[in-house]
Amino acid sequence: SDRIARLAAERGGRVPPELQPLVDEVARGGGTPLVVIQNDRLLGV
């Protein structure tokens, strides 16, 4: 998640405020969150 967030910033995109709660929800459940991005647009987890 942190690496994809930096990539979004490098590409001129923005990180939606809804992303971190999704990442935390997966992590708190013992899972590993992977974030997906297309060009500069973040899509989800």
All heavy atoms as atom14 arrays in JSON, in Angstrom:
{
  "sequence": "SDRIARLAAERGGRVPPELQPLVDEVARGGGTPLVVIQNDRLLGV",
  "atom14_mask": [
    [1, 1, 1, 1, 1, 1, 0, 0, 0, 0, 0, 0, 0, 0],
    [1, 1, 1, 1, 1, 1, 1, 1, 0, 0, 0, 0, 0, 0],
    [1, 1, 1, 1, 1, 1, 1, 1, 1, 1, 1, 0, 0, 0],
    [1, 1, 1, 1, 1, 1, 1, 1, 0, 0, 0, 0, 0, 0],
    [1, 1, 1, 1, 1, 0, 0, 0, 0, 0, 0, 0, 0, 0],
    [1, 1, 1, 1, 1, 1, 1, 1, 1, 1, 1, 0, 0, 0],
    [1, 1, 1, 1, 1, 1, 1, 1, 0, 0, 0, 0, 0, 0],
    [1, 1, 1, 1, 1, 0, 0, 0, 0, 0, 0, 0, 0, 0],
    [1, 1, 1, 1, 1, 0, 0, 0, 0, 0, 0, 0, 0, 0],
    [1, 1, 1, 1, 1, 1, 1, 1, 1, 0, 0, 0, 0, 0],
    [1, 1, 1, 1, 1, 1, 1, 1, 1, 1, 1, 0, 0, 0],
    [1, 1, 1, 1, 0, 0, 0, 0, 0, 0, 0, 0, 0, 0],
    [1, 1, 1, 1, 0, 0, 0, 0, 0, 0, 0, 0, 0, 0],
    [1, 1, 1, 1, 1, 1, 1, 1, 1, 1, 1, 0, 0, 0],
    [1, 1, 1, 1, 1, 1, 1, 0, 0, 0, 0, 0, 0, 0],
    [1, 1, 1, 1, 1, 1, 1, 0, 0, 0, 0, 0, 0, 0],
    [1, 1, 1, 1, 1, 1, 1, 0, 0, 0, 0, 0, 0, 0],
    [1, 1, 1, 1, 1, 1, 1, 1, 1, 0, 0, 0, 0, 0],
    [1, 1, 1, 1, 1, 1, 1, 1, 0, 0, 0, 0, 0, 0],
    [1, 1, 1, 1, 1, 1, 1, 1, 1, 0, 0, 0, 0, 0],
    [1, 1, 1, 1, 1, 1, 1, 0, 0, 0, 0, 0, 0, 0],
    [1, 1, 1, 1, 1, 1, 1, 1, 0, 0, 0, 0, 0, 0],
    [1, 1, 1, 1, 1, 1, 1, 0, 0, 0, 0, 0, 0, 0],
    [1, 1, 1, 1, 1, 1, 1, 1, 0, 0, 0, 0, 0, 0],
    [1, 1, 1, 1, 1, 1, 1, 1, 1, 0, 0, 0, 0, 0],
    [1, 1, 1, 1, 1, 1, 1, 0, 0, 0, 0, 0, 0, 0],
    [1, 1, 1, 1, 1, 0, 0, 0, 0, 0, 0, 0, 0, 0],
    [1, 1, 1, 1, 1, 1, 1, 1, 1, 1, 1, 0, 0, 0],
    [1, 1, 1, 1, 0, 0, 0, 0, 0, 0, 0, 0, 0, 0],
    [1, 1, 1, 1, 0, 0, 0, 0, 0, 0, 0, 0, 0, 0],
    [1, 1, 1, 1, 0, 0, 0, 0, 0, 0, 0, 0, 0, 0],
    [1, 1, 1, 1, 1, 1, 1, 0, 0, 0, 0, 0, 0, 0],
    [1, 1, 1, 1, 1, 1, 1, 0, 0, 0, 0, 0, 0, 0],
    [1, 1, 1, 1, 1, 1, 1, 1, 0, 0, 0, 0, 0, 0],
    [1, 1, 1, 1, 1, 1, 1, 0, 0, 0, 0, 0, 0, 0],
    [1, 1, 1, 1, 1, 1, 1, 0, 0, 0, 0, 0, 0, 0],
    [1, 1, 1, 1, 1, 1, 1, 1, 0, 0, 0, 0, 0, 0],
    [1, 1, 1, 1, 1, 1, 1, 1, 1, 0, 0, 0, 0, 0],
    [1, 1, 1, 1, 1, 1, 1, 1, 0, 0, 0, 0, 0, 0],
    [1, 1, 1, 1, 1, 1, 1, 1, 0, 0, 0, 0, 0, 0],
    [1, 1, 1, 1, 1, 1, 1, 1, 1, 1, 1, 0, 0, 0],
    [1, 1, 1, 1, 1, 1, 1, 1, 0, 0, 0, 0, 0, 0],
    [1, 1, 1, 1, 1, 1, 1, 1, 0, 0, 0, 0, 0, 0],
    [1, 1, 1, 1, 0, 0, 0, 0, 0, 0, 0, 0, 0, 0],
    [1, 1, 1, 1, 1, 1, 1, 0, 0, 0, 0, 0, 0, 0]
  ],
  "atom14_positions": [
    [[0.81, -1.22, 0.0], [0.0, 0.0, 0.0], [0.85, 1.27, 0.0], [0.56, 2.22, -0.74], [-0.95, 0.0, 1.2], [-0.21, -0.07, 2.41], [0.0, 0.0, 0.0], [0.0, 0.0, 0.0], [0.0, 0.0, 0.0], [0.0, 0.0, 0.0], [0.0, 0.0, 0.0], [0.0, 0.0, 0.0], [0.0, 0.0, 0.0], [0.0, 0.0, 0.0]],
    [[1.9, 1.3, 0.82], [2.71, 2.52, 0.89], [3.44, 2.77, -0.43], [3.59, 3.91, -0.87], [3.68, 2.45, 2.06], [4.61, 1.24, 1.99], [4.27, 0.26, 1.28], [5.67, 1.26, 2.65], [0.0, 0.0, 0.0], [0.0, 0.0, 0.0], [0.0, 0.0, 0.0], [0.0, 0.0, 0.0], [0.0, 0.0, 0.0], [0.0, 0.0, 0.0]],
    [[3.9, 1.67, -1.06], [4.63, 1.84, -2.33], [3.7, 2.3, -3.44], [4.06, 3.19, -4.23], [5.28, 0.5, -2.72], [6.12, 0.6, -4.01], [7.32, 1.5, -3.79], [8.05, 1.75, -5.04], [7.8, 2.75, -5.89], [6.8, 3.61, -5.63], [8.52, 2.92, -6.97], [0.0, 0.0, 0.0], [0.0, 0.0, 0.0], [0.0, 0.0, 0.0]],
    [[2.49, 1.75, -3.51], [1.55, 2.17, -4.54], [1.07, 3.6, -4.3], [0.85, 4.37, -5.25], [0.34, 1.2, -4.59], [0.82, -0.21, -4.98], [-0.7, 1.69, -5.58], [1.44, -0.31, -6.35], [0.0, 0.0, 0.0], [0.0, 0.0, 0.0], [0.0, 0.0, 0.0], [0.0, 0.0, 0.0], [0.0, 0.0, 0.0], [0.0, 0.0, 0.0]],
    [[0.93, 3.99, -3.04], [0.54, 5.37, -2.73], [1.61, 6.35, -3.22], [1.29, 7.42, -3.78], [0.31, 5.53, -1.23], [0.0, 0.0, 0.0], [0.0, 0.0, 0.0], [0.0, 0.0, 0.0], [0.0, 0.0, 0.0], [0.0, 0.0, 0.0], [0.0, 0.0, 0.0], [0.0, 0.0, 0.0], [0.0, 0.0, 0.0], [0.0, 0.0, 0.0]],
    [[2.9, 6.0, -3.04], [3.97, 6.86, -3.54], [3.95, 6.91, -5.07], [4.19, 7.97, -5.67], [5.33, 6.36, -3.05], [5.59, 6.63, -1.58], [7.07, 6.6, -1.24], [7.69, 5.32, -1.62], [7.75, 4.25, -0.82], [7.2, 4.33, 0.4], [8.33, 3.14, -1.23], [0.0, 0.0, 0.0], [0.0, 0.0, 0.0], [0.0, 0.0, 0.0]],
    [[3.65, 5.76, -5.7], [3.59, 5.73, -7.15], [2.48, 6.64, -7.67], [2.65, 7.35, -8.68], [3.36, 4.29, -7.63], [3.26, 4.08, -9.15], [4.57, 4.46, -9.84], [2.89, 2.64, -9.48], [0.0, 0.0, 0.0], [0.0, 0.0, 0.0], [0.0, 0.0, 0.0], [0.0, 0.0, 0.0], [0.0, 0.0, 0.0], [0.0, 0.0, 0.0]],
    [[1.33, 6.63, -6.97], [0.22, 7.5, -7.37], [0.65, 8.96, -7.3], [0.33, 9.76, -8.22], [-0.99, 7.25, -6.48], [0.0, 0.0, 0.0], [0.0, 0.0, 0.0], [0.0, 0.0, 0.0], [0.0, 0.0, 0.0], [0.0, 0.0, 0.0], [0.0, 0.0, 0.0], [0.0, 0.0, 0.0], [0.0, 0.0, 0.0], [0.0, 0.0, 0.0]],
    [[1.37, 9.31, -6.23], [1.83, 10.7, -6.1], [2.83, 11.04, -7.2], [2.8, 12.16, -7.76], [2.46, 10.9, -4.72], [0.0, 0.0, 0.0], [0.0, 0.0, 0.0], [0.0, 0.0, 0.0], [0.0, 0.0, 0.0], [0.0, 0.0, 0.0], [0.0, 0.0, 0.0], [0.0, 0.0, 0.0], [0.0, 0.0, 0.0], [0.0, 0.0, 0.0]],
    [[3.72, 10.1, -7.52], [4.7, 10.33, -8.59], [4.02, 10.54, -9.93], [4.52, 11.28, -10.8], [5.67, 9.14, -8.67], [6.58, 9.01, -7.46], [7.31, 7.66, -7.45], [7.15, 6.89, -8.42], [8.03, 7.39, -6.47], [0.0, 0.0, 0.0], [0.0, 0.0, 0.0], [0.0, 0.0, 0.0], [0.0, 0.0, 0.0], [0.0, 0.0, 0.0]],
    [[2.88, 9.88, -10.14], [2.16, 9.99, -11.42], [1.17, 11.15, -11.43], [0.42, 11.33, -12.39], [1.43, 8.69, -11.72], [2.38, 7.52, -12.02], [1.61, 6.24, -12.29], [2.48, 5.18, -12.77], [2.07, 3.95, -13.1], [0.77, 3.65, -13.02], [2.92, 3.05, -13.53], [0.0, 0.0, 0.0], [0.0, 0.0, 0.0], [0.0, 0.0, 0.0]],
    [[1.12, 11.9, -10.35], [0.23, 13.07, -10.3], [-1.17, 12.76, -9.84], [-2.06, 13.62, -9.94], [0.0, 0.0, 0.0], [0.0, 0.0, 0.0], [0.0, 0.0, 0.0], [0.0, 0.0, 0.0], [0.0, 0.0, 0.0], [0.0, 0.0, 0.0], [0.0, 0.0, 0.0], [0.0, 0.0, 0.0], [0.0, 0.0, 0.0], [0.0, 0.0, 0.0]],
    [[-1.39, 11.57, -9.33], [-2.71, 11.21, -8.84], [-2.88, 11.57, -7.38], [-1.99, 12.14, -6.74], [0.0, 0.0, 0.0], [0.0, 0.0, 0.0], [0.0, 0.0, 0.0], [0.0, 0.0, 0.0], [0.0, 0.0, 0.0], [0.0, 0.0, 0.0], [0.0, 0.0, 0.0], [0.0, 0.0, 0.0], [0.0, 0.0, 0.0], [0.0, 0.0, 0.0]],
    [[-4.04, 11.24, -6.84], [-4.29, 11.52, -5.43], [-4.7, 10.22, -4.73], [-5.19, 9.28, -5.35], [-5.4, 12.56, -5.26], [-6.78, 12.07, -5.59], [-7.85, 13.13, -5.38], [-9.19, 12.56, -5.53], [-9.87, 12.02, -4.52], [-9.35, 12.0, -3.3], [-11.08, 11.52, -4.74], [0.0, 0.0, 0.0], [0.0, 0.0, 0.0], [0.0, 0.0, 0.0]],
    [[-4.47, 10.2, -3.43], [-4.82, 9.03, -2.62], [-6.16, 9.3, -1.95], [-6.27, 10.2, -1.09], [-3.74, 8.74, -1.56], [-4.15, 7.55, -0.71], [-2.4, 8.5, -2.21], [0.0, 0.0, 0.0], [0.0, 0.0, 0.0], [0.0, 0.0, 0.0], [0.0, 0.0, 0.0], [0.0, 0.0, 0.0], [0.0, 0.0, 0.0], [0.0, 0.0, 0.0]],
    [[-7.21, 8.56, -2.34], [-8.53, 8.78, -1.72], [-8.48, 8.5, -0.22], [-7.79, 7.58, 0.24], [-9.42, 7.76, -2.44], [-8.7, 7.4, -3.69], [-7.24, 7.52, -3.37], [0.0, 0.0, 0.0], [0.0, 0.0, 0.0], [0.0, 0.0, 0.0], [0.0, 0.0, 0.0], [0.0, 0.0, 0.0], [0.0, 0.0, 0.0], [0.0, 0.0, 0.0]],
    [[-9.21, 9.27, 0.56], [-9.21, 9.03, 2.02], [-9.81, 7.68, 2.4], [-9.58, 7.18, 3.49], [-10.07, 10.17, 2.56], [-10.89, 10.63, 1.39], [-10.05, 10.41, 0.18], [0.0, 0.0, 0.0], [0.0, 0.0, 0.0], [0.0, 0.0, 0.0], [0.0, 0.0, 0.0], [0.0, 0.0, 0.0], [0.0, 0.0, 0.0], [0.0, 0.0, 0.0]],
    [[-10.57, 7.07, 1.48], [-11.18, 5.77, 1.79], [-10.17, 4.61, 1.7], [-10.48, 3.49, 2.13], [-12.34, 5.49, 0.82], [-13.5, 6.46, 0.91], [-13.29, 7.69, 0.03], [-12.19, 7.8, -0.58], [-14.2, 8.53, -0.04], [0.0, 0.0, 0.0], [0.0, 0.0, 0.0], [0.0, 0.0, 0.0], [0.0, 0.0, 0.0], [0.0, 0.0, 0.0]],
    [[-8.98, 4.87, 1.12], [-8.03, 3.76, 0.91], [-7.48, 3.23, 2.23], [-7.47, 2.0, 2.45], [-6.87, 4.22, 0.01], [-5.77, 3.17, -0.2], [-6.32, 1.96, -0.95], [-4.59, 3.76, -0.96], [0.0, 0.0, 0.0], [0.0, 0.0, 0.0], [0.0, 0.0, 0.0], [0.0, 0.0, 0.0], [0.0, 0.0, 0.0], [0.0, 0.0, 0.0]],
    [[-7.01, 4.1, 3.11], [-6.35, 3.64, 4.33], [-7.28, 2.8, 5.21], [-6.85, 1.77, 5.76], [-5.79, 4.82, 5.13], [-4.82, 4.42, 6.23], [-3.63, 3.66, 5.71], [-3.04, 4.03, 4.69], [-3.27, 2.56, 6.38], [0.0, 0.0, 0.0], [0.0, 0.0, 0.0], [0.0, 0.0, 0.0], [0.0, 0.0, 0.0], [0.0, 0.0, 0.0]],
    [[-8.57, 3.17, 5.38], [-9.46, 2.3, 6.16], [-9.59, 0.89, 5.56], [-9.68, -0.09, 6.3], [-10.8, 3.04, 6.14], [-10.43, 4.47, 5.97], [-9.22, 4.47, 5.08], [0.0, 0.0, 0.0], [0.0, 0.0, 0.0], [0.0, 0.0, 0.0], [0.0, 0.0, 0.0], [0.0, 0.0, 0.0], [0.0, 0.0, 0.0], [0.0, 0.0, 0.0]],
    [[-9.62, 0.8, 4.22], [-9.67, -0.52, 3.58], [-8.41, -1.33, 3.88], [-8.48, -2.52, 4.2], [-9.85, -0.37, 2.06], [-11.24, -0.07, 1.51], [-11.19, 0.06, 0.0], [-12.21, -1.17, 1.92], [0.0, 0.0, 0.0], [0.0, 0.0, 0.0], [0.0, 0.0, 0.0], [0.0, 0.0, 0.0], [0.0, 0.0, 0.0], [0.0, 0.0, 0.0]],
    [[-7.26, -0.67, 3.76], [-5.97, -1.34, 4.05], [-5.93, -1.81, 5.5], [-5.54, -2.95, 5.8], [-4.79, -0.38, 3.74], [-3.48, -0.97, 4.26], [-4.71, -0.12, 2.25], [0.0, 0.0, 0.0], [0.0, 0.0, 0.0], [0.0, 0.0, 0.0], [0.0, 0.0, 0.0], [0.0, 0.0, 0.0], [0.0, 0.0, 0.0], [0.0, 0.0, 0.0]],
    [[-6.34, -0.93, 6.41], [-6.31, -1.28, 7.84], [-7.28, -2.42, 8.15], [-6.98, -3.3, 8.98], [-6.66, -0.06, 8.69], [-5.57, 1.01, 8.63], [-4.45, 0.68, 8.18], [-5.85, 2.15, 9.03], [0.0, 0.0, 0.0], [0.0, 0.0, 0.0], [0.0, 0.0, 0.0], [0.0, 0.0, 0.0], [0.0, 0.0, 0.0], [0.0, 0.0, 0.0]],
    [[-8.42, -2.43, 7.5], [-9.41, -3.48, 7.74], [-8.85, -4.85, 7.37], [-9.0, -5.82, 8.12], [-10.67, -3.19, 6.93], [-11.75, -4.26, 7.08], [-12.91, -4.07, 6.12], [-12.96, -3.0, 5.45], [-13.75, -4.97, 6.01], [0.0, 0.0, 0.0], [0.0, 0.0, 0.0], [0.0, 0.0, 0.0], [0.0, 0.0, 0.0], [0.0, 0.0, 0.0]],
    [[-8.18, -4.94, 6.22], [-7.58, -6.21, 5.79], [-6.46, -6.61, 6.74], [-6.35, -7.77, 7.15], [-7.05, -6.11, 4.35], [-6.27, -7.36, 3.96], [-8.2, -5.88, 3.38], [0.0, 0.0, 0.0], [0.0, 0.0, 0.0], [0.0, 0.0, 0.0], [0.0, 0.0, 0.0], [0.0, 0.0, 0.0], [0.0, 0.0, 0.0], [0.0, 0.0, 0.0]],
    [[-5.62, -5.63, 7.11], [-4.48, -5.93, 7.99], [-4.94, -6.39, 9.36], [-4.37, -7.33, 9.93], [-3.58, -4.7, 8.1], [0.0, 0.0, 0.0], [0.0, 0.0, 0.0], [0.0, 0.0, 0.0], [0.0, 0.0, 0.0], [0.0, 0.0, 0.0], [0.0, 0.0, 0.0], [0.0, 0.0, 0.0], [0.0, 0.0, 0.0], [0.0, 0.0, 0.0]],
    [[-5.98, -5.7, 9.92], [-6.46, -6.09, 11.24], [-7.04, -7.5, 11.25], [-7.04, -8.18, 12.26], [-7.51, -5.09, 11.74], [-6.93, -3.83, 12.34], [-8.0, -3.05, 13.1], [-9.08, -2.61, 12.21], [-9.1, -1.45, 11.57], [-8.1, -0.6, 11.71], [-10.11, -1.13, 10.78], [0.0, 0.0, 0.0], [0.0, 0.0, 0.0], [0.0, 0.0, 0.0]],
    [[-7.53, -7.94, 10.11], [-8.05, -9.3, 10.01], [-6.98, -10.34, 9.79], [-7.3, -11.52, 9.59], [0.0, 0.0, 0.0], [0.0, 0.0, 0.0], [0.0, 0.0, 0.0], [0.0, 0.0, 0.0], [0.0, 0.0, 0.0], [0.0, 0.0, 0.0], [0.0, 0.0, 0.0], [0.0, 0.0, 0.0], [0.0, 0.0, 0.0], [0.0, 0.0, 0.0]],
    [[-5.7, -9.94, 9.82], [-4.62, -10.89, 9.64], [-4.24, -11.12, 8.2], [-3.4, -11.97, 7.9], [0.0, 0.0, 0.0], [0.0, 0.0, 0.0], [0.0, 0.0, 0.0], [0.0, 0.0, 0.0], [0.0, 0.0, 0.0], [0.0, 0.0, 0.0], [0.0, 0.0, 0.0], [0.0, 0.0, 0.0], [0.0, 0.0, 0.0], [0.0, 0.0, 0.0]],
    [[-4.85, -10.36, 7.27], [-4.53, -10.51, 5.86], [-3.45, -9.54, 5.43], [-3.02, -8.66, 6.17], [0.0, 0.0, 0.0], [0.0, 0.0, 0.0], [0.0, 0.0, 0.0], [0.0, 0.0, 0.0], [0.0, 0.0, 0.0], [0.0, 0.0, 0.0], [0.0, 0.0, 0.0], [0.0, 0.0, 0.0], [0.0, 0.0, 0.0], [0.0, 0.0, 0.0]],
    [[-3.01, -9.73, 4.19], [-2.03, -8.83, 3.59], [-2.72, -8.03, 2.51], [-3.26, -8.6, 1.55], [-0.86, -9.63, 2.98], [-0.23, -10.38, 4.0], [0.15, -8.69, 2.34], [0.0, 0.0, 0.0], [0.0, 0.0, 0.0], [0.0, 0.0, 0.0], [0.0, 0.0, 0.0], [0.0, 0.0, 0.0], [0.0, 0.0, 0.0], [0.0, 0.0, 0.0]],
    [[-2.74, -6.7, 2.62], [-3.43, -5.88, 1.61], [-2.5, -5.54, 0.44], [-1.36, -5.1, 0.64], [-3.81, -4.62, 2.39], [-2.78, -4.51, 3.47], [-2.31, -5.9, 3.78], [0.0, 0.0, 0.0], [0.0, 0.0, 0.0], [0.0, 0.0, 0.0], [0.0, 0.0, 0.0], [0.0, 0.0, 0.0], [0.0, 0.0, 0.0], [0.0, 0.0, 0.0]],
    [[-2.96, -5.76, -0.79], [-2.28, -5.31, -1.99], [-3.17, -4.26, -2.66], [-4.37, -4.48, -2.83], [-2.04, -6.47, -2.96], [-1.09, -7.59, -2.49], [-0.96, -8.65, -3.58], [0.27, -7.03, -2.13], [0.0, 0.0, 0.0], [0.0, 0.0, 0.0], [0.0, 0.0, 0.0], [0.0, 0.0, 0.0], [0.0, 0.0, 0.0], [0.0, 0.0, 0.0]],
    [[-2.57, -3.16, -3.02], [-3.33, -2.06, -3.63], [-3.09, -2.08, -5.14], [-1.97, -2.34, -5.6], [-2.91, -0.71, -3.03], [-3.64, 0.44, -3.72], [-3.21, -0.69, -1.53], [0.0, 0.0, 0.0], [0.0, 0.0, 0.0], [0.0, 0.0, 0.0], [0.0, 0.0, 0.0], [0.0, 0.0, 0.0], [0.0, 0.0, 0.0], [0.0, 0.0, 0.0]],
    [[-4.13, -1.83, -5.91], [-4.07, -1.85, -7.37], [-4.26, -0.42, -7.9], [-5.13, 0.33, -7.42], [-5.16, -2.77, -7.96], [-5.06, -2.81, -9.48], [-5.03, -4.18, -7.38], [0.0, 0.0, 0.0], [0.0, 0.0, 0.0], [0.0, 0.0, 0.0], [0.0, 0.0, 0.0], [0.0, 0.0, 0.0], [0.0, 0.0, 0.0], [0.0, 0.0, 0.0]],
    [[-3.43, -0.07, -8.9], [-3.51, 1.26, -9.51], [-3.45, 1.11, -11.02], [-2.74, 0.24, -11.54], [-2.35, 2.17, -9.0], [-2.49, 3.58, -9.56], [-1.0, 1.57, -9.36], [-1.45, 4.57, -8.99], [0.0, 0.0, 0.0], [0.0, 0.0, 0.0], [0.0, 0.0, 0.0], [0.0, 0.0, 0.0], [0.0, 0.0, 0.0], [0.0, 0.0, 0.0]],
    [[-4.24, 1.93, -11.73], [-4.16, 2.0, -13.19], [-3.79, 3.42, -13.55], [-4.52, 4.37, -13.25], [-5.49, 1.62, -13.84], [-5.43, 1.63, -15.37], [-6.74, 1.24, -16.01], [-7.81, 1.49, -15.45], [-6.68, 0.63, -17.19], [0.0, 0.0, 0.0], [0.0, 0.0, 0.0], [0.0, 0.0, 0.0], [0.0, 0.0, 0.0], [0.0, 0.0, 0.0]],
    [[-2.61, 3.55, -14.18], [-2.04, 4.87, -14.48], [-1.9, 5.65, -13.18], [-1.14, 5.25, -12.31], [-2.87, 5.59, -15.54], [-2.85, 4.83, -16.87], [-1.85, 4.18, -17.2], [-3.94, 4.91, -17.63], [0.0, 0.0, 0.0], [0.0, 0.0, 0.0], [0.0, 0.0, 0.0], [0.0, 0.0, 0.0], [0.0, 0.0, 0.0], [0.0, 0.0, 0.0]],
    [[-2.71, 6.73, -12.97], [-2.6, 7.48, -11.71], [-3.83, 7.31, -10.84], [-4.02, 8.04, -9.86], [-2.37, 8.96, -12.0], [-3.53, 9.59, -12.78], [-4.44, 8.84, -13.2], [-3.51, 10.82, -12.96], [0.0, 0.0, 0.0], [0.0, 0.0, 0.0], [0.0, 0.0, 0.0], [0.0, 0.0, 0.0], [0.0, 0.0, 0.0], [0.0, 0.0, 0.0]],
    [[-4.69, 6.35, -11.18], [-5.96, 6.17, -10.47], [-5.92, 4.92, -9.6], [-5.7, 3.81, -10.07], [-7.09, 6.03, -11.5], [-8.47, 5.83, -10.9], [-9.44, 5.45, -11.99], [-10.78, 5.2, -11.47], [-11.67, 4.44, -12.09], [-11.35, 3.83, -13.24], [-12.87, 4.25, -11.57], [0.0, 0.0, 0.0], [0.0, 0.0, 0.0], [0.0, 0.0, 0.0]],
    [[-6.11, 5.12, -8.3], [-6.16, 4.0, -7.36], [-7.52, 3.33, -7.46], [-8.56, 4.01, -7.47], [-5.9, 4.49, -5.94], [-4.45, 4.91, -5.65], [-4.37, 5.76, -4.41], [-3.56, 3.68, -5.51], [0.0, 0.0, 0.0], [0.0, 0.0, 0.0], [0.0, 0.0, 0.0], [0.0, 0.0, 0.0], [0.0, 0.0, 0.0], [0.0, 0.0, 0.0]],
    [[-7.51, 1.97, -7.52], [-8.74, 1.22, -7.77], [-9.3, 0.52, -6.53], [-10.52, 0.36, -6.41], [-8.51, 0.17, -8.87], [-7.99, 0.72, -10.19], [-7.66, -0.43, -11.13], [-9.01, 1.64, -10.83], [0.0, 0.0, 0.0], [0.0, 0.0, 0.0], [0.0, 0.0, 0.0], [0.0, 0.0, 0.0], [0.0, 0.0, 0.0], [0.0, 0.0, 0.0]],
    [[-8.43, 0.03, -5.66], [-8.92, -0.69, -4.49], [-7.87, -1.64, -3.93], [-6.68, -1.54, -4.27], [0.0, 0.0, 0.0], [0.0, 0.0, 0.0], [0.0, 0.0, 0.0], [0.0, 0.0, 0.0], [0.0, 0.0, 0.0], [0.0, 0.0, 0.0], [0.0, 0.0, 0.0], [0.0, 0.0, 0.0], [0.0, 0.0, 0.0], [0.0, 0.0, 0.0]],
    [[-8.33, -2.56, -3.11], [-7.44, -3.45, -2.35], [-7.79, -4.9, -2.63], [-8.97, -5.27, -2.7], [-7.56, -3.16, -0.83], [-6.72, -4.16, -0.03], [-7.15, -1.73, -0.52], [0.0, 0.0, 0.0], [0.0, 0.0, 0.0], [0.0, 0.0, 0.0], [0.0, 0.0, 0.0], [0.0, 0.0, 0.0], [0.0, 0.0, 0.0], [0.0, 0.0, 0.0]]
  ]
}
